[in-house]
Amino acid sequence: MHKKVKGILDLCRVSNLPTVISNCLASWLVAGGSFDELDLAALVSGAVLLYSGGMIMNDFFDLSFDGQFRPSRPIPAGIISKSAAGIYTLFFMVAGAALMVIGNAKFPLVLSLVSVIVAYNVFHKKWIHSVYIMGACRSVLYLACASAVTGQLSHVVIAWCICLGLYTAGITVVARGESTDNAVKLYGLVLLFSPALVPLFLGSGEFHLFGLLVVGSLWLAWTIYCLFIIRGAGEDRVGRAVSYLIGGMVLIDGLAVSYQFGLCGLFFVPLLPLVLWFQTKVAGT
């Protein structure tokens, strides 16, 4: 693979894109959408571009940090210039937002999504609570895709989007120990288990218990496995756990879908090994 092409793929963290697609599909289905609508293709394409632009922006703002702690990243290594990274960021963000609006996502939510992506990249090294802005990036994406279905957001959609945001915030807390393998804060670990609370929050309404238990068990087992990696030995244990936890987002999407559609949530499970395979080709963090 050409060195510059590989650098762009690294900047975009393309190995994590299946989790973005998964978030879009899950929110779309939970909101009542179907796969035969063209709006879904535009939404997914827009989300992929926005995620890629946000990841490039992250390296753009982290240049001095990466130069010290991660000099092999594409910009400090000289593979991609800082000016080129800025151009890619602008193009991906504008094109991604436009596609999501074309896909019928509500403009205020698309604008909010762009805003939280920018806010996280600006403040994540300056403000300790920026982990919740990172979580908001996934939550608002979830809401934006769901808004394209009916224009209204149900309490079920909102509950799953909040738990996805809290889980993402938990990953971000864990990731802060990646460059130095520092101990992970306890509240970060607590956030990782927030999806387990959603069925309790939604109460005793109509849901598919068997599918929820099957997919929920898979998600729980995977999350616990990732925590054992963190507690183990090896200098790269935190980074590996973070990458695996990012992959675990597809299981949360499966959990949300299984809540309403039973074992259909298992459709998302094969995306996990796909993410892990991609991460062997392109770093996920």
Protein backbone atom coordinates (compact mmCIF):
# COMPACT_ATOMS: atom_id res chain seq x y z
CA MET A 1 0.00 0.00 0.00
CA HIS A 2 1.27 3.47 -0.88
CA LYS A 3 2.74 5.21 2.15
CA LYS A 4 0.60 8.34 1.81
CA VAL A 5 -2.62 6.36 1.30
CA LYS A 6 -1.82 4.33 4.41
CA GLY A 7 -1.20 7.61 6.26
CA ILE A 8 -4.64 8.93 5.33
CA LEU A 9 -6.28 5.68 6.41
CA ASP A 10 -4.40 5.88 9.72
CA LEU A 11 -5.51 9.49 10.24
CA CYS A 12 -9.15 8.54 9.58
CA ARG A 13 -8.96 5.49 11.87
CA VAL A 14 -10.84 3.61 9.17
CA SER A 15 -10.71 0.39 11.19
CA ASN A 16 -13.36 1.90 13.49
CA LEU A 17 -15.76 2.85 10.69
CA PRO A 18 -17.86 -0.33 11.07
CA THR A 19 -18.84 0.98 14.53
CA VAL A 20 -20.03 4.25 12.96
CA ILE A 21 -22.05 2.37 10.36
CA SER A 22 -23.41 0.16 13.14
CA ASN A 23 -24.52 3.20 15.17
CA CYS A 24 -26.35 4.58 12.14
CA LEU A 25 -28.10 1.29 11.35
CA ALA A 26 -29.13 0.66 14.94
CA SER A 27 -30.58 4.12 15.53
CA TRP A 28 -32.37 3.95 12.17
CA LEU A 29 -33.95 0.58 13.02
CA VAL A 30 -34.84 1.49 16.60
CA ALA A 31 -36.55 4.64 15.27
CA GLY A 32 -38.66 2.48 12.94
CA GLY A 33 -36.77 2.77 9.64
CA SER A 34 -36.30 0.06 7.04
CA PHE A 35 -33.35 -0.93 4.87
CA ASP A 36 -35.07 -0.13 1.56
CA GLU A 37 -34.91 3.66 1.97
CA LEU A 38 -32.29 5.69 0.11
CA ASP A 39 -31.96 8.18 2.96
CA LEU A 40 -30.09 5.54 4.94
CA ALA A 41 -27.27 5.35 2.38
CA ALA A 42 -26.80 9.12 2.49
CA LEU A 43 -26.84 9.13 6.28
CA VAL A 44 -24.25 6.36 6.57
CA SER A 45 -22.00 7.98 3.97
CA GLY A 46 -22.25 11.34 5.74
CA ALA A 47 -21.51 9.79 9.13
CA VAL A 48 -18.43 8.01 7.75
CA LEU A 49 -17.09 11.28 6.34
CA LEU A 50 -17.80 13.21 9.54
CA TYR A 51 -16.06 10.56 11.65
CA SER A 52 -13.06 10.54 9.31
CA GLY A 53 -12.87 14.33 9.33
CA GLY A 54 -13.11 14.41 13.10
CA MET A 55 -10.30 11.89 13.45
CA ILE A 56 -8.03 13.84 11.12
CA MET A 57 -8.86 16.98 13.10
CA ASN A 58 -7.84 15.14 16.26
CA ASP A 59 -4.34 14.54 14.90
CA PHE A 60 -4.21 18.12 13.59
CA PHE A 61 -4.76 19.52 17.09
CA ASP A 62 -2.61 16.86 18.78
CA LEU A 63 0.49 17.45 16.67
CA SER A 64 2.72 18.62 19.54
CA PHE A 65 1.52 15.80 21.84
CA ASP A 66 1.98 13.15 19.14
CA GLY A 67 5.41 14.54 18.31
CA GLN A 68 6.44 13.71 21.88
CA PHE A 69 4.50 10.55 22.68
CA ARG A 70 3.48 9.10 19.28
CA PRO A 71 6.01 10.28 16.70
CA SER A 72 4.99 7.51 14.29
CA ARG A 73 1.59 9.14 13.66
CA PRO A 74 1.28 10.33 10.04
CA ILE A 75 1.63 14.09 10.64
CA PRO A 76 4.67 14.16 12.99
CA ALA A 77 6.26 11.39 10.88
CA GLY A 78 6.00 13.65 7.83
CA ILE A 79 3.80 11.26 5.84
CA ILE A 80 0.93 13.77 5.69
CA SER A 81 1.59 17.50 6.01
CA LYS A 82 -0.29 19.59 8.54
CA SER A 83 -1.77 21.77 5.78
CA ALA A 84 -3.01 18.70 3.88
CA ALA A 85 -4.58 17.36 7.06
CA GLY A 86 -6.41 20.65 7.48
CA ILE A 87 -7.76 20.48 3.92
CA TYR A 88 -8.89 16.88 4.35
CA THR A 89 -10.61 17.80 7.60
CA LEU A 90 -12.55 20.67 6.06
CA PHE A 91 -13.61 18.67 3.01
CA PHE A 92 -14.75 15.61 4.97
CA MET A 93 -16.65 17.66 7.55
CA VAL A 94 -18.51 19.78 4.99
CA ALA A 95 -19.28 16.84 2.68
CA GLY A 96 -20.34 14.65 5.60
CA ALA A 97 -22.71 17.25 7.03
CA ALA A 98 -24.21 17.88 3.58
CA LEU A 99 -24.86 14.18 3.00
CA MET A 100 -26.57 13.78 6.36
CA VAL A 101 -28.88 16.69 5.60
CA ILE A 102 -29.57 15.17 2.16
CA GLY A 103 -30.39 11.97 4.03
CA ASN A 104 -33.14 13.91 5.83
CA ALA A 105 -31.42 14.21 9.23
CA LYS A 106 -32.64 17.32 11.02
CA PHE A 107 -30.32 20.24 10.37
CA PRO A 108 -30.06 21.38 14.04
CA LEU A 109 -28.87 17.88 15.00
CA VAL A 110 -26.34 17.74 12.15
CA LEU A 111 -25.06 21.17 13.17
CA SER A 112 -24.87 19.95 16.78
CA LEU A 113 -22.91 16.90 15.67
CA VAL A 114 -20.36 19.02 13.81
CA SER A 115 -20.13 21.34 16.84
CA VAL A 116 -19.42 18.58 19.38
CA ILE A 117 -16.82 17.01 17.08
CA VAL A 118 -14.99 20.33 16.83
CA ALA A 119 -15.43 21.04 20.55
CA TYR A 120 -13.94 17.69 21.55
CA ASN A 121 -10.88 18.13 19.36
CA VAL A 122 -10.30 21.65 20.67
CA PHE A 123 -10.77 20.90 24.37
CA HIS A 124 -9.95 17.23 24.94
CA LYS A 125 -6.38 17.91 26.10
CA LYS A 126 -7.39 21.02 28.07
CA TRP A 127 -10.50 19.95 30.01
CA ILE A 128 -10.76 16.73 32.01
CA HIS A 129 -14.51 16.45 31.48
CA SER A 130 -14.19 16.57 27.71
CA VAL A 131 -14.75 12.79 27.82
CA TYR A 132 -18.46 13.61 27.87
CA ILE A 133 -18.10 15.70 24.73
CA MET A 134 -16.60 12.62 23.06
CA GLY A 135 -19.59 10.65 24.27
CA ALA A 136 -21.89 13.33 22.90
CA CYS A 137 -20.36 12.81 19.45
CA ARG A 138 -21.77 9.28 19.33
CA SER A 139 -25.03 10.25 21.04
CA VAL A 140 -25.79 13.11 18.67
CA LEU A 141 -24.91 10.92 15.68
CA TYR A 142 -27.45 8.41 16.97
CA LEU A 143 -30.09 11.11 17.33
CA ALA A 144 -29.36 12.64 13.93
CA CYS A 145 -29.82 9.31 12.13
CA ALA A 146 -32.99 8.54 14.07
CA SER A 147 -34.43 11.97 13.29
CA ALA A 148 -34.35 11.13 9.58
CA VAL A 149 -36.98 8.41 10.08
CA THR A 150 -39.95 10.30 11.53
CA GLY A 151 -38.62 13.64 12.71
CA GLN A 152 -39.50 12.73 16.29
CA LEU A 153 -37.29 11.02 18.85
CA SER A 154 -38.85 8.36 21.04
CA HIS A 155 -37.83 7.74 24.63
CA VAL A 156 -36.34 4.41 23.51
CA VAL A 157 -34.03 6.12 21.01
CA ILE A 158 -33.02 8.70 23.60
CA ALA A 159 -32.27 6.05 26.23
CA TRP A 160 -29.99 4.06 23.92
CA CYS A 161 -28.26 7.18 22.63
CA ILE A 162 -27.45 8.29 26.19
CA CYS A 163 -26.02 4.90 27.13
CA LEU A 164 -23.91 4.85 23.97
CA GLY A 165 -22.56 8.27 24.89
CA LEU A 166 -21.73 7.20 28.44
CA TYR A 167 -20.01 4.04 27.19
CA THR A 168 -17.98 6.14 24.74
CA ALA A 169 -17.03 8.49 27.57
CA GLY A 170 -15.87 5.45 29.53
CA ILE A 171 -13.66 4.35 26.63
CA THR A 172 -12.19 7.85 26.48
CA VAL A 173 -11.35 7.71 30.18
CA VAL A 174 -9.61 4.38 29.63
CA ALA A 175 -7.81 5.78 26.57
CA ARG A 176 -6.23 8.57 28.61
CA GLY A 177 -3.88 5.99 30.06
CA GLU A 178 -2.91 4.65 26.64
CA SER A 179 0.23 6.70 26.01
CA THR A 180 1.69 5.97 29.44
CA ASP A 181 -0.23 2.82 30.49
CA ASN A 182 -1.39 4.60 33.62
CA ALA A 183 -4.06 3.10 35.86
CA VAL A 184 -7.64 3.61 34.67
CA LYS A 185 -9.98 5.77 36.74
CA LEU A 186 -12.77 3.83 38.44
CA TYR A 187 -15.55 6.04 37.10
CA GLY A 188 -14.41 5.19 33.56
CA LEU A 189 -14.99 1.52 34.26
CA VAL A 190 -18.42 2.30 35.71
CA LEU A 191 -19.42 4.18 32.56
CA LEU A 192 -18.58 1.15 30.46
CA PHE A 193 -21.41 -0.81 32.06
CA SER A 194 -24.09 1.87 31.57
CA PRO A 195 -25.81 -0.07 28.72
CA ALA A 196 -26.94 -2.65 31.28
CA LEU A 197 -29.16 0.00 32.87
CA VAL A 198 -31.17 0.86 29.76
CA PRO A 199 -33.59 -2.11 29.88
CA LEU A 200 -34.21 -1.30 33.55
CA PHE A 201 -34.82 2.35 32.73
CA LEU A 202 -37.24 1.54 29.93
CA GLY A 203 -39.29 -0.52 32.35
CA SER A 204 -41.71 -3.33 31.68
CA GLY A 205 -42.92 -2.25 28.24
CA GLU A 206 -42.95 -4.56 25.25
CA PHE A 207 -39.53 -6.04 24.55
CA HIS A 208 -37.90 -9.33 23.50
CA LEU A 209 -36.36 -10.88 26.58
CA PHE A 210 -34.58 -13.82 24.94
CA GLY A 211 -32.83 -11.73 22.29
CA LEU A 212 -31.91 -9.17 24.93
CA LEU A 213 -30.35 -11.85 27.14
CA VAL A 214 -28.39 -13.46 24.29
CA VAL A 215 -26.90 -10.28 22.86
CA GLY A 216 -26.56 -8.74 26.32
CA SER A 217 -24.52 -11.70 27.52
CA LEU A 218 -22.18 -11.34 24.56
CA TRP A 219 -21.70 -7.62 25.24
CA LEU A 220 -21.15 -8.20 28.97
CA ALA A 221 -18.63 -10.99 28.40
CA TRP A 222 -16.70 -8.89 25.88
CA THR A 223 -16.55 -5.86 28.19
CA ILE A 224 -15.33 -7.97 31.11
CA TYR A 225 -12.71 -9.55 28.84
CA CYS A 226 -11.45 -6.08 27.92
CA LEU A 227 -11.16 -5.16 31.60
CA PHE A 228 -9.07 -8.28 32.22
CA ILE A 229 -6.73 -7.12 29.45
CA ILE A 230 -6.31 -3.78 31.24
CA ARG A 231 -5.48 -5.51 34.51
CA GLY A 232 -2.98 -7.83 32.83
CA ALA A 233 0.65 -7.41 31.88
CA GLY A 234 2.21 -5.82 28.83
CA GLU A 235 3.03 -2.26 27.95
CA ASP A 236 0.37 -2.03 25.25
CA ARG A 237 -2.46 -3.51 27.31
CA VAL A 238 -4.44 -0.25 27.66
CA GLY A 239 -4.21 0.56 23.96
CA ARG A 240 -5.36 -2.94 23.03
CA ALA A 241 -8.26 -2.79 25.48
CA VAL A 242 -9.32 0.60 24.13
CA SER A 243 -9.38 -0.73 20.57
CA TYR A 244 -11.41 -3.75 21.67
CA LEU A 245 -13.85 -1.60 23.63
CA ILE A 246 -14.41 0.58 20.58
CA GLY A 247 -15.27 -2.58 18.68
CA GLY A 248 -17.71 -3.46 21.47
CA MET A 249 -19.94 -0.57 20.38
CA VAL A 250 -21.43 -2.83 17.73
CA LEU A 251 -22.63 -5.16 20.50
CA ILE A 252 -24.40 -2.24 22.18
CA ASP A 253 -26.10 -1.52 18.87
CA GLY A 254 -27.07 -5.17 18.69
CA LEU A 255 -28.42 -4.92 22.23
CA ALA A 256 -30.60 -1.95 21.27
CA VAL A 257 -31.99 -3.72 18.22
CA SER A 258 -32.55 -6.98 20.11
CA TYR A 259 -34.59 -5.07 22.71
CA GLN A 260 -37.20 -4.37 20.03
CA PHE A 261 -36.62 -7.08 17.43
CA GLY A 262 -35.30 -10.06 19.35
CA LEU A 263 -32.54 -12.13 17.81
CA CYS A 264 -32.27 -9.70 14.89
CA GLY A 265 -29.74 -7.96 17.12
CA LEU A 266 -27.33 -10.80 16.37
CA PHE A 267 -26.91 -9.24 12.91
CA PHE A 268 -24.49 -6.77 14.52
CA VAL A 269 -22.31 -9.37 16.24
CA PRO A 270 -20.20 -10.30 13.15
CA LEU A 271 -19.18 -6.64 12.91
CA LEU A 272 -17.01 -7.12 16.01
CA PRO A 273 -14.50 -9.55 14.44
CA LEU A 274 -14.58 -7.33 11.34
CA VAL A 275 -13.50 -4.33 13.42
CA LEU A 276 -10.77 -6.39 15.12
CA TRP A 277 -9.48 -7.59 11.76
CA PHE A 278 -9.41 -4.03 10.41
CA GLN A 279 -7.52 -2.93 13.52
CA THR A 280 -4.72 -5.35 12.63
CA LYS A 281 -4.33 -3.42 9.37
CA VAL A 282 -4.94 0.16 10.57
CA ALA A 283 -4.59 1.28 14.19
CA GLY A 284 -7.91 2.04 15.86
CA THR A 285 -6.53 4.68 18.24
